[in-house]
């Protein structure tokens, strides 16, 4: 079940960039309700998403650490923070997420 939630969160992050910027107050209210009810497919509140991923990462779910690292590395919805992204990729890599190891190696190589 937890893995399914992480997959849905990841899908929400991937599609967050496809949201139209012309939203009405009804769209905004609907999005807020979807976020409050953890309806990932309708939640495009990056601040909420980063808080959710932080909590899940702190609970030991390495996929969440990896996804949060991506947000920090790209500055998607939150302020870009390469050192924080590197730390999150390292944590996820140590937790067995191979893609996190690749991103960790890329970012640390570029930082040199």
PDB file of N, CA and C in Angstrom:
ATOM      1  N   UNK A   1       0.823  -1.194   0.000  1.00  0.00           N
ATOM      2  CA  UNK A   1       0.000   0.000   0.000  1.00  0.00           C
ATOM      3  C   UNK A   1       0.867   1.258   0.000  1.00  0.00           C
ATOM      4  N   UNK A   2       1.909   1.253   0.843  1.00  0.00           N
ATOM      5  CA  UNK A   2       2.783   2.422   0.904  1.00  0.00           C
ATOM      6  C   UNK A   2       3.507   2.637  -0.417  1.00  0.00           C
ATOM      7  N   UNK A   3       3.873   1.531  -1.063  1.00  0.00           N
ATOM      8  CA  UNK A   3       4.553   1.643  -2.351  1.00  0.00           C
ATOM      9  C   UNK A   3       3.625   2.268  -3.390  1.00  0.00           C
ATOM     10  N   UNK A   4       2.348   1.911  -3.339  1.00  0.00           N
ATOM     11  CA  UNK A   4       1.361   2.468  -4.260  1.00  0.00           C
ATOM     12  C   UNK A   4       1.221   3.970  -4.035  1.00  0.00           C
ATOM     13  N   UNK A   5       1.216   4.397  -2.782  1.00  0.00           N
ATOM     14  CA  UNK A   5       1.123   5.827  -2.477  1.00  0.00           C
ATOM     15  C   UNK A   5       2.326   6.561  -3.048  1.00  0.00           C
ATOM     16  N   UNK A   6       3.513   5.984  -2.900  1.00  0.00           N
ATOM     17  CA  UNK A   6       4.718   6.617  -3.436  1.00  0.00           C
ATOM     18  C   UNK A   6       4.674   6.692  -4.958  1.00  0.00           C
ATOM     19  N   UNK A   7       4.145   5.663  -5.593  1.00  0.00           N
ATOM     20  CA  UNK A   7       4.011   5.684  -7.053  1.00  0.00           C
ATOM     21  C   UNK A   7       3.069   6.804  -7.461  1.00  0.00           C
ATOM     22  N   UNK A   8       1.961   6.932  -6.754  1.00  0.00           N
ATOM     23  CA  UNK A   8       1.005   7.996  -7.064  1.00  0.00           C
ATOM     24  C   UNK A   8       1.609   9.373  -6.832  1.00  0.00           C
ATOM     25  N   UNK A   9       2.388   9.519  -5.771  1.00  0.00           N
ATOM     26  CA  UNK A   9       3.065  10.792  -5.509  1.00  0.00           C
ATOM     27  C   UNK A   9       4.018  11.107  -6.651  1.00  0.00           C
ATOM     28  N   UNK A  10       4.778  10.114  -7.067  1.00  0.00           N
ATOM     29  CA  UNK A  10       5.725  10.314  -8.168  1.00  0.00           C
ATOM     30  C   UNK A  10       5.001  10.720  -9.440  1.00  0.00           C
ATOM     31  N   UNK A  11       3.878  10.077  -9.720  1.00  0.00           N
ATOM     32  CA  UNK A  11       3.110  10.424 -10.911  1.00  0.00           C
ATOM     33  C   UNK A  11       2.597  11.857 -10.813  1.00  0.00           C
ATOM     34  N   UNK A  12       2.173  12.245  -9.627  1.00  0.00           N
ATOM     35  CA  UNK A  12       1.713  13.616  -9.429  1.00  0.00           C
ATOM     36  C   UNK A  12       2.819  14.611  -9.680  1.00  0.00           C
ATOM     37  N   UNK A  13       4.031  14.284  -9.232  1.00  0.00           N
ATOM     38  CA  UNK A  13       5.172  15.169  -9.459  1.00  0.00           C
ATOM     39  C   UNK A  13       5.517  15.258 -10.936  1.00  0.00           C
ATOM     40  N   UNK A  14       5.466  14.135 -11.621  1.00  0.00           N
ATOM     41  CA  UNK A  14       5.807  14.128 -13.038  1.00  0.00           C
ATOM     42  C   UNK A  14       4.832  14.958 -13.858  1.00  0.00           C
ATOM     43  N   UNK A  15       3.574  14.948 -13.465  1.00  0.00           N
ATOM     44  CA  UNK A  15       2.556  15.654 -14.229  1.00  0.00           C
ATOM     45  C   UNK A  15       2.288  17.056 -13.711  1.00  0.00           C
ATOM     46  N   UNK A  16       2.936  17.435 -12.626  1.00  0.00           N
ATOM     47  CA  UNK A  16       2.697  18.762 -12.052  1.00  0.00           C
ATOM     48  C   UNK A  16       3.069  19.870 -13.026  1.00  0.00           C
ATOM     49  N   UNK A  17       4.058  19.645 -13.876  1.00  0.00           N
ATOM     50  CA  UNK A  17       4.475  20.651 -14.838  1.00  0.00           C
ATOM     51  C   UNK A  17       3.496  20.842 -15.978  1.00  0.00           C
ATOM     52  N   UNK A  18       2.534  19.944 -16.121  1.00  0.00           N
ATOM     53  CA  UNK A  18       1.568  20.023 -17.208  1.00  0.00           C
ATOM     54  C   UNK A  18       0.309  20.795 -16.839  1.00  0.00           C
ATOM     55  N   UNK A  19       0.292  21.403 -15.679  1.00  0.00           N
ATOM     56  CA  UNK A  19      -0.883  22.136 -15.224  1.00  0.00           C
ATOM     57  C   UNK A  19      -0.943  23.474 -15.931  1.00  0.00           C
ATOM     58  N   UNK A  20      -2.127  23.834 -16.396  1.00  0.00           N
ATOM     59  CA  UNK A  20      -2.295  25.132 -17.040  1.00  0.00           C
ATOM     60  C   UNK A  20      -2.207  26.227 -15.994  1.00  0.00           C
ATOM     61  N   UNK A  21      -1.633  27.356 -16.392  1.00  0.00           N
ATOM     62  CA  UNK A  21      -1.493  28.459 -15.455  1.00  0.00           C
ATOM     63  C   UNK A  21      -2.776  29.264 -15.331  1.00  0.00           C
ATOM     64  N   UNK A  22      -3.714  29.129 -16.271  1.00  0.00           N
ATOM     65  CA  UNK A  22      -4.977  29.859 -16.215  1.00  0.00           C
ATOM     66  C   UNK A  22      -5.971  29.080 -15.366  1.00  0.00           C
ATOM     67  N   UNK A  23      -5.923  29.286 -14.065  1.00  0.00           N
ATOM     68  CA  UNK A  23      -6.846  28.594 -13.189  1.00  0.00           C
ATOM     69  C   UNK A  23      -7.843  29.580 -12.620  1.00  0.00           C
ATOM     70  N   UNK A  24      -9.002  29.081 -12.315  1.00  0.00           N
ATOM     71  CA  UNK A  24     -10.022  29.912 -11.693  1.00  0.00           C
ATOM     72  C   UNK A  24     -10.013  29.644 -10.199  1.00  0.00           C
ATOM     73  N   UNK A  25     -10.776  30.433  -9.458  1.00  0.00           N
ATOM     74  CA  UNK A  25     -10.833  30.198  -8.018  1.00  0.00           C
ATOM     75  C   UNK A  25     -11.447  28.833  -7.724  1.00  0.00           C
ATOM     76  N   UNK A  26     -12.376  28.367  -8.578  1.00  0.00           N
ATOM     77  CA  UNK A  26     -12.945  27.032  -8.381  1.00  0.00           C
ATOM     78  C   UNK A  26     -11.885  25.959  -8.551  1.00  0.00           C
ATOM     79  N   UNK A  27     -11.000  26.144  -9.553  1.00  0.00           N
ATOM     80  CA  UNK A  27      -9.898  25.198  -9.749  1.00  0.00           C
ATOM     81  C   UNK A  27      -8.998  25.192  -8.527  1.00  0.00           C
ATOM     82  N   UNK A  28      -8.718  26.374  -8.018  1.00  0.00           N
ATOM     83  CA  UNK A  28      -7.854  26.500  -6.851  1.00  0.00           C
ATOM     84  C   UNK A  28      -8.478  25.824  -5.637  1.00  0.00           C
ATOM     85  N   UNK A  29      -9.765  26.031  -5.437  1.00  0.00           N
ATOM     86  CA  UNK A  29     -10.452  25.393  -4.311  1.00  0.00           C
ATOM     87  C   UNK A  29     -10.456  23.880  -4.456  1.00  0.00           C
ATOM     88  N   UNK A  30     -10.698  23.391  -5.687  1.00  0.00           N
ATOM     89  CA  UNK A  30     -10.705  21.953  -5.929  1.00  0.00           C
ATOM     90  C   UNK A  30      -9.328  21.365  -5.658  1.00  0.00           C
ATOM     91  N   UNK A  31      -8.294  22.050  -6.133  1.00  0.00           N
ATOM     92  CA  UNK A  31      -6.931  21.573  -5.914  1.00  0.00           C
ATOM     93  C   UNK A  31      -6.623  21.525  -4.433  1.00  0.00           C
ATOM     94  N   UNK A  32      -7.012  22.559  -3.703  1.00  0.00           N
ATOM     95  CA  UNK A  32      -6.780  22.594  -2.263  1.00  0.00           C
ATOM     96  C   UNK A  32      -7.483  21.437  -1.569  1.00  0.00           C
ATOM     97  N   UNK A  33      -8.736  21.169  -1.940  1.00  0.00           N
ATOM     98  CA  UNK A  33      -9.471  20.057  -1.344  1.00  0.00           C
ATOM     99  C   UNK A  33      -8.799  18.733  -1.678  1.00  0.00           C
ATOM    100  N   UNK A  34      -8.335  18.582  -2.919  1.00  0.00           N
ATOM    101  CA  UNK A  34      -7.654  17.351  -3.311  1.00  0.00           C
ATOM    102  C   UNK A  34      -6.379  17.158  -2.515  1.00  0.00           C
ATOM    103  N   UNK A  35      -5.638  18.224  -2.287  1.00  0.00           N
ATOM    104  CA  UNK A  35      -4.400  18.121  -1.515  1.00  0.00           C
ATOM    105  C   UNK A  35      -4.701  17.774  -0.066  1.00  0.00           C
ATOM    106  N   UNK A  36      -5.715  18.445   0.500  1.00  0.00           N
ATOM    107  CA  UNK A  36      -6.064  18.194   1.895  1.00  0.00           C
ATOM    108  C   UNK A  36      -6.499  16.757   2.116  1.00  0.00           C
ATOM    109  N   UNK A  37      -7.116  16.158   1.112  1.00  0.00           N
ATOM    110  CA  UNK A  37      -7.570  14.775   1.249  1.00  0.00           C
ATOM    111  C   UNK A  37      -6.530  13.797   0.703  1.00  0.00           C
ATOM    112  N   UNK A  38      -5.336  14.274   0.416  1.00  0.00           N
ATOM    113  CA  UNK A  38      -4.227  13.491  -0.125  1.00  0.00           C
ATOM    114  C   UNK A  38      -4.637  12.806  -1.427  1.00  0.00           C
ATOM    115  N   UNK A  39      -5.369  13.523  -2.260  1.00  0.00           N
ATOM    116  CA  UNK A  39      -5.750  13.059  -3.595  1.00  0.00           C
ATOM    117  C   UNK A  39      -4.625  13.482  -4.529  1.00  0.00           C
ATOM    118  N   UNK A  40      -3.645  12.603  -4.686  1.00  0.00           N
ATOM    119  CA  UNK A  40      -2.409  12.951  -5.377  1.00  0.00           C
ATOM    120  C   UNK A  40      -2.639  13.365  -6.822  1.00  0.00           C
ATOM    121  N   UNK A  41      -3.557  12.714  -7.508  1.00  0.00           N
ATOM    122  CA  UNK A  41      -3.739  13.021  -8.923  1.00  0.00           C
ATOM    123  C   UNK A  41      -4.243  14.431  -9.147  1.00  0.00           C
ATOM    124  N   UNK A  42      -4.833  15.058  -8.147  1.00  0.00           N
ATOM    125  CA  UNK A  42      -5.330  16.418  -8.305  1.00  0.00           C
ATOM    126  C   UNK A  42      -4.560  17.426  -7.490  1.00  0.00           C
ATOM    127  N   UNK A  43      -3.519  17.008  -6.832  1.00  0.00           N
ATOM    128  CA  UNK A  43      -2.772  17.894  -5.941  1.00  0.00           C
ATOM    129  C   UNK A  43      -1.515  18.391  -6.637  1.00  0.00           C
ATOM    130  N   UNK A  44      -1.468  19.701  -6.869  1.00  0.00           N
ATOM    131  CA  UNK A  44      -0.292  20.267  -7.509  1.00  0.00           C
ATOM    132  C   UNK A  44       0.332  21.327  -6.619  1.00  0.00           C
ATOM    133  N   UNK A  45       0.158  21.179  -5.330  1.00  0.00           N
ATOM    134  CA  UNK A  45       0.725  22.090  -4.356  1.00  0.00           C
ATOM    135  C   UNK A  45       2.116  21.556  -4.007  1.00  0.00           C
ATOM    136  N   UNK A  46       3.134  22.116  -4.631  1.00  0.00           N
ATOM    137  CA  UNK A  46       4.498  21.611  -4.456  1.00  0.00           C
ATOM    138  C   UNK A  46       4.974  21.731  -3.022  1.00  0.00           C
ATOM    139  N   UNK A  47       4.548  22.781  -2.330  1.00  0.00           N
ATOM    140  CA  UNK A  47       4.931  22.946  -0.932  1.00  0.00           C
ATOM    141  C   UNK A  47       4.372  21.795  -0.098  1.00  0.00           C
ATOM    142  N   UNK A  48       3.105  21.475  -0.311  1.00  0.00           N
ATOM    143  CA  UNK A  48       2.485  20.347   0.380  1.00  0.00           C
ATOM    144  C   UNK A  48       3.202  19.049   0.018  1.00  0.00           C
ATOM    145  N   UNK A  49       3.499  18.874  -1.272  1.00  0.00           N
ATOM    146  CA  UNK A  49       4.159  17.657  -1.742  1.00  0.00           C
ATOM    147  C   UNK A  49       5.533  17.499  -1.094  1.00  0.00           C
ATOM    148  N   UNK A  50       6.290  18.589  -1.001  1.00  0.00           N
ATOM    149  CA  UNK A  50       7.620  18.490  -0.395  1.00  0.00           C
ATOM    150  C   UNK A  50       7.516  18.143   1.087  1.00  0.00           C
ATOM    151  N   UNK A  51       6.511  18.695   1.773  1.00  0.00           N
ATOM    152  CA  UNK A  51       6.319  18.359   3.193  1.00  0.00           C
ATOM    153  C   UNK A  51       5.932  16.894   3.359  1.00  0.00           C
ATOM    154  N   UNK A  52       5.066  16.410   2.479  1.00  0.00           N
ATOM    155  CA  UNK A  52       4.651  15.014   2.531  1.00  0.00           C
ATOM    156  C   UNK A  52       5.839  14.086   2.263  1.00  0.00           C
ATOM    157  N   UNK A  53       6.615  14.399   1.232  1.00  0.00           N
ATOM    158  CA  UNK A  53       7.786  13.572   0.916  1.00  0.00           C
ATOM    159  C   UNK A  53       8.812  13.614   2.041  1.00  0.00           C
ATOM    160  N   UNK A  54       8.981  14.780   2.673  1.00  0.00           N
ATOM    161  CA  UNK A  54       9.919  14.894   3.794  1.00  0.00           C
ATOM    162  C   UNK A  54       9.491  13.972   4.927  1.00  0.00           C
ATOM    163  N   UNK A  55       8.207  13.989   5.252  1.00  0.00           N
ATOM    164  CA  UNK A  55       7.703  13.132   6.326  1.00  0.00           C
ATOM    165  C   UNK A  55       7.916  11.658   5.990  1.00  0.00           C
ATOM    166  N   UNK A  56       7.567  11.278   4.771  1.00  0.00           N
ATOM    167  CA  UNK A  56       7.696   9.871   4.376  1.00  0.00           C
ATOM    168  C   UNK A  56       9.171   9.472   4.322  1.00  0.00           C
ATOM    169  N   UNK A  57      10.029  10.371   3.853  1.00  0.00           N
ATOM    170  CA  UNK A  57      11.474  10.111   3.825  1.00  0.00           C
ATOM    171  C   UNK A  57      12.002   9.912   5.244  1.00  0.00           C
ATOM    172  N   UNK A  58      11.580  10.793   6.147  1.00  0.00           N
ATOM    173  CA  UNK A  58      12.017  10.683   7.543  1.00  0.00           C
ATOM    174  C   UNK A  58      11.512   9.407   8.202  1.00  0.00           C
ATOM    175  N   UNK A  59      10.431   8.847   7.654  1.00  0.00           N
ATOM    176  CA  UNK A  59       9.905   7.574   8.152  1.00  0.00           C
ATOM    177  C   UNK A  59      10.643   6.380   7.554  1.00  0.00           C
ATOM    178  N   UNK A  60      11.663   6.656   6.722  1.00  0.00           N
ATOM    179  CA  UNK A  60      12.505   5.592   6.205  1.00  0.00           C
ATOM    180  C   UNK A  60      12.157   5.061   4.831  1.00  0.00           C
ATOM    181  N   UNK A  61      11.287   5.745   4.113  1.00  0.00           N
ATOM    182  CA  UNK A  61      10.923   5.307   2.765  1.00  0.00           C
ATOM    183  C   UNK A  61      11.858   5.973   1.757  1.00  0.00           C
ATOM    184  N   UNK A  62      12.796   5.196   1.269  1.00  0.00           N
ATOM    185  CA  UNK A  62      13.863   5.741   0.437  1.00  0.00           C
ATOM    186  C   UNK A  62      13.375   6.291  -0.898  1.00  0.00           C
ATOM    187  N   UNK A  63      12.279   5.757  -1.428  1.00  0.00           N
ATOM    188  CA  UNK A  63      11.738   6.296  -2.678  1.00  0.00           C
ATOM    189  C   UNK A  63      11.321   7.752  -2.497  1.00  0.00           C
ATOM    190  N   UNK A  64      10.796   8.072  -1.321  1.00  0.00           N
ATOM    191  CA  UNK A  64      10.397   9.451  -1.027  1.00  0.00           C
ATOM    192  C   UNK A  64      11.628  10.350  -0.942  1.00  0.00           C
ATOM    193  N   UNK A  65      12.699   9.853  -0.347  1.00  0.00           N
ATOM    194  CA  UNK A  65      13.948  10.626  -0.268  1.00  0.00           C
ATOM    195  C   UNK A  65      14.464  10.924  -1.673  1.00  0.00           C
ATOM    196  N   UNK A  66      14.405   9.913  -2.534  1.00  0.00           N
ATOM    197  CA  UNK A  66      14.845  10.074  -3.916  1.00  0.00           C
ATOM    198  C   UNK A  66      14.004  11.127  -4.633  1.00  0.00           C
ATOM    199  N   UNK A  67      12.675  11.037  -4.520  1.00  0.00           N
ATOM    200  CA  UNK A  67      11.791  11.990  -5.192  1.00  0.00           C
ATOM    201  C   UNK A  67      11.965  13.402  -4.645  1.00  0.00           C
ATOM    202  N   UNK A  68      12.166  13.530  -3.346  1.00  0.00           N
ATOM    203  CA  UNK A  68      12.416  14.839  -2.754  1.00  0.00           C
ATOM    204  C   UNK A  68      13.752  15.387  -3.250  1.00  0.00           C
ATOM    205  N   UNK A  69      14.738  14.515  -3.396  1.00  0.00           N
ATOM    206  CA  UNK A  69      16.026  14.920  -3.950  1.00  0.00           C
ATOM    207  C   UNK A  69      15.881  15.479  -5.355  1.00  0.00           C
ATOM    208  N   UNK A  70      15.023  14.864  -6.149  1.00  0.00           N
ATOM    209  CA  UNK A  70      14.769  15.364  -7.506  1.00  0.00           C
ATOM    210  C   UNK A  70      14.176  16.767  -7.448  1.00  0.00           C
ATOM    211  N   UNK A  71      13.224  16.969  -6.548  1.00  0.00           N
ATOM    212  CA  UNK A  71      12.609  18.295  -6.425  1.00  0.00           C
ATOM    213  C   UNK A  71      13.661  19.350  -6.081  1.00  0.00           C
ATOM    214  N   UNK A  72      14.538  19.032  -5.129  1.00  0.00           N
ATOM    215  CA  UNK A  72      15.582  19.987  -4.740  1.00  0.00           C
ATOM    216  C   UNK A  72      16.621  20.168  -5.841  1.00  0.00           C
ATOM    217  N   UNK A  73      16.965  19.105  -6.537  1.00  0.00           N
ATOM    218  CA  UNK A  73      17.976  19.201  -7.599  1.00  0.00           C
ATOM    219  C   UNK A  73      17.499  20.077  -8.746  1.00  0.00           C
ATOM    220  N   UNK A  74      16.228  19.948  -9.095  1.00  0.00           N
ATOM    221  CA  UNK A  74      15.687  20.692 -10.231  1.00  0.00           C
ATOM    222  C   UNK A  74      15.031  22.005  -9.827  1.00  0.00           C
ATOM    223  N   UNK A  75      14.808  22.189  -8.537  1.00  0.00           N
ATOM    224  CA  UNK A  75      14.089  23.375  -8.092  1.00  0.00           C
ATOM    225  C   UNK A  75      12.641  23.340  -8.538  1.00  0.00           C
ATOM    226  N   UNK A  76      12.062  22.151  -8.558  1.00  0.00           N
ATOM    227  CA  UNK A  76      10.675  21.985  -9.007  1.00  0.00           C
ATOM    228  C   UNK A  76       9.713  22.235  -7.856  1.00  0.00           C
ATOM    229  N   UNK A  77       9.123  23.423  -7.863  1.00  0.00           N
ATOM    230  CA  UNK A  77       8.139  23.755  -6.848  1.00  0.00           C
ATOM    231  C   UNK A  77       8.713  24.199  -5.522  1.00  0.00           C
ATOM    232  N   UNK A  78       9.995  24.012  -5.342  1.00  0.00           N
ATOM    233  CA  UNK A  78      10.685  24.461  -4.137  1.00  0.00           C
ATOM    234  C   UNK A  78      12.003  25.079  -4.571  1.00  0.00           C
ATOM    235  N   UNK A  79      12.628  25.798  -3.675  1.00  0.00           N
ATOM    236  CA  UNK A  79      13.893  26.447  -4.006  1.00  0.00           C
ATOM    237  C   UNK A  79      14.965  25.396  -4.283  1.00  0.00           C
ATOM    238  N   UNK A  80      15.661  25.566  -5.404  1.00  0.00           N
ATOM    239  CA  UNK A  80      16.744  24.646  -5.753  1.00  0.00           C
ATOM    240  C   UNK A  80      17.788  24.649  -4.643  1.00  0.00           C
ATOM    241  N   UNK A  81      18.217  23.459  -4.251  1.00  0.00           N
ATOM    242  CA  UNK A  81      19.194  23.325  -3.180  1.00  0.00           C
ATOM    243  C   UNK A  81      20.021  22.070  -3.459  1.00  0.00           C
ATOM    244  N   UNK A  82      21.112  22.250  -4.204  1.00  0.00           N
ATOM    245  CA  UNK A  82      21.938  21.102  -4.616  1.00  0.00           C
ATOM    246  C   UNK A  82      22.520  20.341  -3.422  1.00  0.00           C
ATOM    247  N   UNK A  83      23.055  21.036  -2.383  1.00  0.00           N
ATOM    248  CA  UNK A  83      23.583  20.268  -1.244  1.00  0.00           C
ATOM    249  C   UNK A  83      22.519  19.384  -0.578  1.00  0.00           C
ATOM    250  N   UNK A  84      21.308  19.901  -0.464  1.00  0.00           N
ATOM    251  CA  UNK A  84      20.230  19.110   0.127  1.00  0.00           C
ATOM    252  C   UNK A  84      19.872  17.943  -0.791  1.00  0.00           C
ATOM    253  N   UNK A  85      19.866  18.191  -2.110  1.00  0.00           N
ATOM    254  CA  UNK A  85      19.583  17.126  -3.073  1.00  0.00           C
ATOM    255  C   UNK A  85      20.641  16.030  -2.966  1.00  0.00           C
ATOM    256  N   UNK A  86      21.899  16.433  -2.864  1.00  0.00           N
ATOM    257  CA  UNK A  86      22.991  15.459  -2.745  1.00  0.00           C
ATOM    258  C   UNK A  86      22.804  14.603  -1.497  1.00  0.00           C
ATOM    259  N   UNK A  87      22.474  15.245  -0.372  1.00  0.00           N
ATOM    260  CA  UNK A  87      22.275  14.503   0.879  1.00  0.00           C
ATOM    261  C   UNK A  87      21.108  13.517   0.765  1.00  0.00           C
ATOM    262  N   UNK A  88      20.038  13.949   0.114  1.00  0.00           N
ATOM    263  CA  UNK A  88      18.879  13.063  -0.055  1.00  0.00           C
ATOM    264  C   UNK A  88      19.193  11.908  -1.003  1.00  0.00           C
ATOM    265  N   UNK A  89      19.924  12.190  -2.085  1.00  0.00           N
ATOM    266  CA  UNK A  89      20.318  11.118  -3.002  1.00  0.00           C
ATOM    267  C   UNK A  89      21.242  10.124  -2.304  1.00  0.00           C
ATOM    268  N   UNK A  90      22.137  10.614  -1.458  1.00  0.00           N
ATOM    269  CA  UNK A  90      23.046   9.732  -0.713  1.00  0.00           C
ATOM    270  C   UNK A  90      22.244   8.821   0.215  1.00  0.00           C
ATOM    271  N   UNK A  91      21.286   9.423   0.931  1.00  0.00           N
ATOM    272  CA  UNK A  91      20.448   8.647   1.849  1.00  0.00           C
ATOM    273  C   UNK A  91      19.675   7.570   1.086  1.00  0.00           C
ATOM    274  N   UNK A  92      19.077   7.947  -0.041  1.00  0.00           N
ATOM    275  CA  UNK A  92      18.309   6.991  -0.840  1.00  0.00           C
ATOM    276  C   UNK A  92      19.221   5.931  -1.448  1.00  0.00           C
ATOM    277  N   UNK A  93      20.405   6.338  -1.872  1.00  0.00           N
ATOM    278  CA  UNK A  93      21.382   5.391  -2.426  1.00  0.00           C
ATOM    279  C   UNK A  93      21.776   4.368  -1.367  1.00  0.00           C
ATOM    280  N   UNK A  94      22.078   4.863  -0.166  1.00  0.00           N
ATOM    281  CA  UNK A  94      22.421   3.961   0.937  1.00  0.00           C
ATOM    282  C   UNK A  94      21.257   3.032   1.275  1.00  0.00           C
ATOM    283  N   UNK A  95      20.041   3.477   0.939  1.00  0.00           N
ATOM    284  CA  UNK A  95      18.848   2.671   1.176  1.00  0.00           C
ATOM    285  C   UNK A  95      18.503   1.746   0.022  1.00  0.00           C
ATOM    286  N   UNK A  96      19.360   1.706  -0.999  1.00  0.00           N
ATOM    287  CA  UNK A  96      19.179   0.740  -2.077  1.00  0.00           C
ATOM    288  C   UNK A  96      18.511   1.244  -3.346  1.00  0.00           C
ATOM    289  N   UNK A  97      18.336   2.551  -3.492  1.00  0.00           N
ATOM    290  CA  UNK A  97      17.715   3.102  -4.699  1.00  0.00           C
ATOM    291  C   UNK A  97      18.823   3.416  -5.710  1.00  0.00           C
ATOM    292  N   UNK A  98      18.930   2.585  -6.750  1.00  0.00           N
ATOM    293  CA  UNK A  98      20.030   2.713  -7.713  1.00  0.00           C
ATOM    294  C   UNK A  98      20.027   4.045  -8.456  1.00  0.00           C
ATOM    295  N   UNK A  99      18.850   4.530  -8.845  1.00  0.00           N
ATOM    296  CA  UNK A  99      18.788   5.818  -9.544  1.00  0.00           C
ATOM    297  C   UNK A  99      19.318   6.944  -8.663  1.00  0.00           C
ATOM    298  N   UNK A 100      19.106   6.822  -7.370  1.00  0.00           N
ATOM    299  CA  UNK A 100      19.623   7.829  -6.440  1.00  0.00           C
ATOM    300  C   UNK A 100      21.150   7.806  -6.433  1.00  0.00           C
ATOM    301  N   UNK A 101      21.731   6.615  -6.546  1.00  0.00           N
ATOM    302  CA  UNK A 101      23.194   6.500  -6.600  1.00  0.00           C
ATOM    303  C   UNK A 101      23.735   7.204  -7.842  1.00  0.00           C
ATOM    304  N   UNK A 102      23.053   7.011  -8.963  1.00  0.00           N
ATOM    305  CA  UNK A 102      23.476   7.667 -10.208  1.00  0.00           C
ATOM    306  C   UNK A 102      23.400   9.180 -10.075  1.00  0.00           C
ATOM    307  N   UNK A 103      22.282   9.675  -9.537  1.00  0.00           N
ATOM    308  CA  UNK A 103      22.138  11.122  -9.372  1.00  0.00           C
ATOM    309  C   UNK A 103      23.148  11.676  -8.378  1.00  0.00           C
ATOM    310  N   UNK A 104      23.407  10.930  -7.320  1.00  0.00           N
ATOM    311  CA  UNK A 104      24.407  11.339  -6.333  1.00  0.00           C
ATOM    312  C   UNK A 104      25.774  11.476  -7.004  1.00  0.00           C
ATOM    313  N   UNK A 105      26.147  10.475  -7.795  1.00  0.00           N
ATOM    314  CA  UNK A 105      27.447  10.514  -8.481  1.00  0.00           C
ATOM    315  C   UNK A 105      27.527  11.671  -9.470  1.00  0.00           C
ATOM    316  N   UNK A 106      26.454  11.915 -10.194  1.00  0.00           N
ATOM    317  CA  UNK A 106      26.442  13.022 -11.161  1.00  0.00           C
ATOM    318  C   UNK A 106      26.601  14.357 -10.448  1.00  0.00           C
ATOM    319  N   UNK A 107      25.812  14.575  -9.396  1.00  0.00           N
ATOM    320  CA  UNK A 107      25.866  15.865  -8.701  1.00  0.00           C
ATOM    321  C   UNK A 107      27.191  16.087  -7.981  1.00  0.00           C
ATOM    322  N   UNK A 108      27.743  15.037  -7.388  1.00  0.00           N
ATOM    323  CA  UNK A 108      29.015  15.228  -6.688  1.00  0.00           C
ATOM    324  C   UNK A 108      30.158  15.411  -7.677  1.00  0.00           C
ATOM    325  N   UNK A 109      30.073  14.794  -8.847  1.00  0.00           N
ATOM    326  CA  UNK A 109      31.096  14.985  -9.877  1.00  0.00           C
ATOM    327  C   UNK A 109      31.035  16.401 -10.429  1.00  0.00           C
ATOM    328  N   UNK A 110      29.821  16.899 -10.661  1.00  0.00           N
ATOM    329  CA  UNK A 110      29.648  18.263 -11.183  1.00  0.00           C
ATOM    330  C   UNK A 110      30.072  19.309 -10.168  1.00  0.00           C
ATOM    331  N   UNK A 111      29.961  18.992  -8.885  1.00  0.00           N
ATOM    332  CA  UNK A 111      30.297  19.952  -7.833  1.00  0.00           C
ATOM    333  C   UNK A 111      31.803  20.129  -7.687  1.00  0.00           C
ATOM    334  N   UNK A 112      32.565  19.179  -8.198  1.00  0.00           N
ATOM    335  CA  UNK A 112      34.031  19.245  -8.040  1.00  0.00           C
ATOM    336  C   UNK A 112      34.670  20.214  -8.989  1.00  0.00           C
TER     337      UNK A 112
END
